[in-house]
Amino acid sequence: MRKMIVATLSLMLSAGMLLAGPVIFESFDKEKMELKVKDGDKEITYKLNDKTTYKAGDKEVKSEKALEMFDKMKQGKTKLDVTGEKDVATEVKFAKAKKPPQ
């Protein structure tokens, strides 16, 4: 019985802490290190820190390069996958660039 209760509580906590899914880029504030995204009709602000990891496809992206990528993104056009705990982003995945047909 105790194992079932512990397992249920663990599942609830992990599901509540980690939020992931495709969102639309809205803006990035380099001074505050805040990333604003839109998830449906809801606008969410994530704080970025030294522990935040960045990926493009399956490849790791250095934080300096990721910050440059945020500056070049178009508001309302770019999709990201953001994983976070409450309002702190733990991982940001950039959409892999599509190669033009040859």
C-alpha atoms as a PDB file:
ATOM      1  CA  MET A   1       0.000   0.000   0.000  1.00  0.00           C
ATOM      2  CA  ARG A   2       2.813   2.413   0.883  1.00  0.00           C
ATOM      3  CA  LYS A   3       4.576   1.687  -2.402  1.00  0.00           C
ATOM      4  CA  MET A   4       1.441   2.551  -4.342  1.00  0.00           C
ATOM      5  CA  ILE A   5       0.975   5.828  -2.474  1.00  0.00           C
ATOM      6  CA  VAL A   6       4.642   6.801  -2.972  1.00  0.00           C
ATOM      7  CA  ALA A   7       4.461   5.911  -6.671  1.00  0.00           C
ATOM      8  CA  THR A   8       1.272   7.942  -7.143  1.00  0.00           C
ATOM      9  CA  LEU A   9       2.707  10.964  -5.345  1.00  0.00           C
ATOM     10  CA  SER A  10       5.933  10.745  -7.350  1.00  0.00           C
ATOM     11  CA  LEU A  11       4.001  10.636 -10.601  1.00  0.00           C
ATOM     12  CA  MET A  12       1.873  13.629  -9.622  1.00  0.00           C
ATOM     13  CA  LEU A  13       4.885  15.687  -8.574  1.00  0.00           C
ATOM     14  CA  SER A  14       6.892  14.919 -11.705  1.00  0.00           C
ATOM     15  CA  ALA A  15       3.944  15.652 -13.987  1.00  0.00           C
ATOM     16  CA  GLY A  16       3.273  18.938 -12.218  1.00  0.00           C
ATOM     17  CA  MET A  17       6.877  20.105 -12.226  1.00  0.00           C
ATOM     18  CA  LEU A  18       7.782  19.380 -15.824  1.00  0.00           C
ATOM     19  CA  LEU A  19       5.937  21.182 -18.553  1.00  0.00           C
ATOM     20  CA  ALA A  20       6.943  20.518 -22.130  1.00  0.00           C
ATOM     21  CA  GLY A  21       5.425  21.140 -25.484  1.00  0.00           C
ATOM     22  CA  PRO A  22       5.627  23.188 -28.628  1.00  0.00           C
ATOM     23  CA  VAL A  23       5.176  26.897 -28.041  1.00  0.00           C
ATOM     24  CA  ILE A  24       5.509  30.005 -30.198  1.00  0.00           C
ATOM     25  CA  PHE A  25       8.340  32.484 -29.554  1.00  0.00           C
ATOM     26  CA  GLU A  26       7.141  35.947 -28.516  1.00  0.00           C
ATOM     27  CA  SER A  27      10.167  37.835 -27.164  1.00  0.00           C
ATOM     28  CA  PHE A  28      13.464  37.579 -25.325  1.00  0.00           C
ATOM     29  CA  ASP A  29      14.848  40.040 -22.751  1.00  0.00           C
ATOM     30  CA  LYS A  30      18.632  39.600 -22.609  1.00  0.00           C
ATOM     31  CA  GLU A  31      19.068  41.771 -19.496  1.00  0.00           C
ATOM     32  CA  LYS A  32      16.474  39.904 -17.413  1.00  0.00           C
ATOM     33  CA  MET A  33      17.209  36.557 -19.155  1.00  0.00           C
ATOM     34  CA  GLU A  34      13.485  36.018 -19.718  1.00  0.00           C
ATOM     35  CA  LEU A  35      11.931  34.145 -22.613  1.00  0.00           C
ATOM     36  CA  LYS A  36       8.284  34.896 -23.430  1.00  0.00           C
ATOM     37  CA  VAL A  37       6.368  32.281 -25.378  1.00  0.00           C
ATOM     38  CA  LYS A  38       2.761  31.717 -26.299  1.00  0.00           C
ATOM     39  CA  ASP A  39       1.046  28.395 -25.637  1.00  0.00           C
ATOM     40  CA  GLY A  40      -2.321  28.633 -27.352  1.00  0.00           C
ATOM     41  CA  ASP A  41      -3.927  31.786 -25.928  1.00  0.00           C
ATOM     42  CA  LYS A  42      -1.747  31.790 -22.819  1.00  0.00           C
ATOM     43  CA  GLU A  43       1.508  33.796 -22.629  1.00  0.00           C
ATOM     44  CA  ILE A  44       4.223  32.235 -20.444  1.00  0.00           C
ATOM     45  CA  THR A  45       7.476  33.804 -19.245  1.00  0.00           C
ATOM     46  CA  TYR A  46      10.409  31.509 -18.493  1.00  0.00           C
ATOM     47  CA  LYS A  47      13.583  32.574 -16.734  1.00  0.00           C
ATOM     48  CA  LEU A  48      16.813  31.253 -18.227  1.00  0.00           C
ATOM     49  CA  ASN A  49      19.862  30.492 -16.084  1.00  0.00           C
ATOM     50  CA  ASP A  50      23.242  28.722 -16.194  1.00  0.00           C
ATOM     51  CA  LYS A  51      21.584  25.316 -15.812  1.00  0.00           C
ATOM     52  CA  THR A  52      19.314  25.790 -18.840  1.00  0.00           C
ATOM     53  CA  THR A  53      20.369  23.584 -21.753  1.00  0.00           C
ATOM     54  CA  TYR A  54      19.750  24.358 -25.412  1.00  0.00           C
ATOM     55  CA  LYS A  55      19.394  21.952 -28.333  1.00  0.00           C
ATOM     56  CA  ALA A  56      18.901  22.270 -32.070  1.00  0.00           C
ATOM     57  CA  GLY A  57      17.604  18.930 -33.253  1.00  0.00           C
ATOM     58  CA  ASP A  58      19.710  16.400 -31.341  1.00  0.00           C
ATOM     59  CA  LYS A  59      22.787  18.629 -31.021  1.00  0.00           C
ATOM     60  CA  GLU A  60      23.717  20.684 -27.963  1.00  0.00           C
ATOM     61  CA  VAL A  61      23.933  24.440 -28.514  1.00  0.00           C
ATOM     62  CA  LYS A  62      26.164  26.650 -26.383  1.00  0.00           C
ATOM     63  CA  SER A  63      24.312  29.278 -24.370  1.00  0.00           C
ATOM     64  CA  GLU A  64      26.039  32.183 -26.161  1.00  0.00           C
ATOM     65  CA  LYS A  65      24.895  30.842 -29.530  1.00  0.00           C
ATOM     66  CA  ALA A  66      21.374  30.222 -28.196  1.00  0.00           C
ATOM     67  CA  LEU A  67      21.104  33.819 -26.980  1.00  0.00           C
ATOM     68  CA  GLU A  68      22.113  35.012 -30.464  1.00  0.00           C
ATOM     69  CA  MET A  69      19.452  32.751 -31.958  1.00  0.00           C
ATOM     70  CA  PHE A  70      16.794  34.312 -29.701  1.00  0.00           C
ATOM     71  CA  ASP A  71      17.763  37.778 -30.967  1.00  0.00           C
ATOM     72  CA  LYS A  72      17.254  36.683 -34.594  1.00  0.00           C
ATOM     73  CA  MET A  73      13.898  34.953 -34.068  1.00  0.00           C
ATOM     74  CA  LYS A  74      10.718  36.428 -35.475  1.00  0.00           C
ATOM     75  CA  GLN A  75       7.909  37.091 -33.035  1.00  0.00           C
ATOM     76  CA  GLY A  76       4.960  34.773 -33.508  1.00  0.00           C
ATOM     77  CA  LYS A  77       6.698  32.699 -36.204  1.00  0.00           C
ATOM     78  CA  THR A  78       9.260  30.433 -34.503  1.00  0.00           C
ATOM     79  CA  LYS A  79       8.322  27.236 -32.678  1.00  0.00           C
ATOM     80  CA  LEU A  80      10.240  26.012 -29.638  1.00  0.00           C
ATOM     81  CA  ASP A  81       9.934  23.116 -27.219  1.00  0.00           C
ATOM     82  CA  VAL A  82      10.446  24.359 -23.682  1.00  0.00           C
ATOM     83  CA  THR A  83      10.769  22.116 -20.643  1.00  0.00           C
ATOM     84  CA  GLY A  84      10.636  23.823 -17.283  1.00  0.00           C
ATOM     85  CA  GLU A  85       9.887  23.686 -13.619  1.00  0.00           C
ATOM     86  CA  LYS A  86       7.346  26.357 -12.717  1.00  0.00           C
ATOM     87  CA  ASP A  87       8.737  29.520 -14.372  1.00  0.00           C
ATOM     88  CA  VAL A  88      12.372  28.389 -14.898  1.00  0.00           C
ATOM     89  CA  ALA A  89      13.313  26.775 -18.220  1.00  0.00           C
ATOM     90  CA  THR A  90      15.483  23.669 -17.860  1.00  0.00           C
ATOM     91  CA  GLU A  91      15.723  22.880 -21.586  1.00  0.00           C
ATOM     92  CA  VAL A  92      14.938  24.764 -24.790  1.00  0.00           C
ATOM     93  CA  LYS A  93      14.805  22.904 -28.109  1.00  0.00           C
ATOM     94  CA  PHE A  94      14.963  24.910 -31.302  1.00  0.00           C
ATOM     95  CA  ALA A  95      13.167  23.613 -34.371  1.00  0.00           C
ATOM     96  CA  LYS A  96      15.627  21.993 -36.743  1.00  0.00           C
ATOM     97  CA  ALA A  97      16.071  24.079 -39.885  1.00  0.00           C
ATOM     98  CA  LYS A  98      14.536  22.490 -42.935  1.00  0.00           C
ATOM     99  CA  LYS A  99      16.798  21.954 -45.902  1.00  0.00           C
ATOM    100  CA  PRO A 100      15.453  23.326 -49.168  1.00  0.00           C
ATOM    101  CA  PRO A 101      14.525  20.675 -51.775  1.00  0.00           C
ATOM    102  CA  GLN A 102      17.144  20.050 -54.408  1.00  0.00           C
END
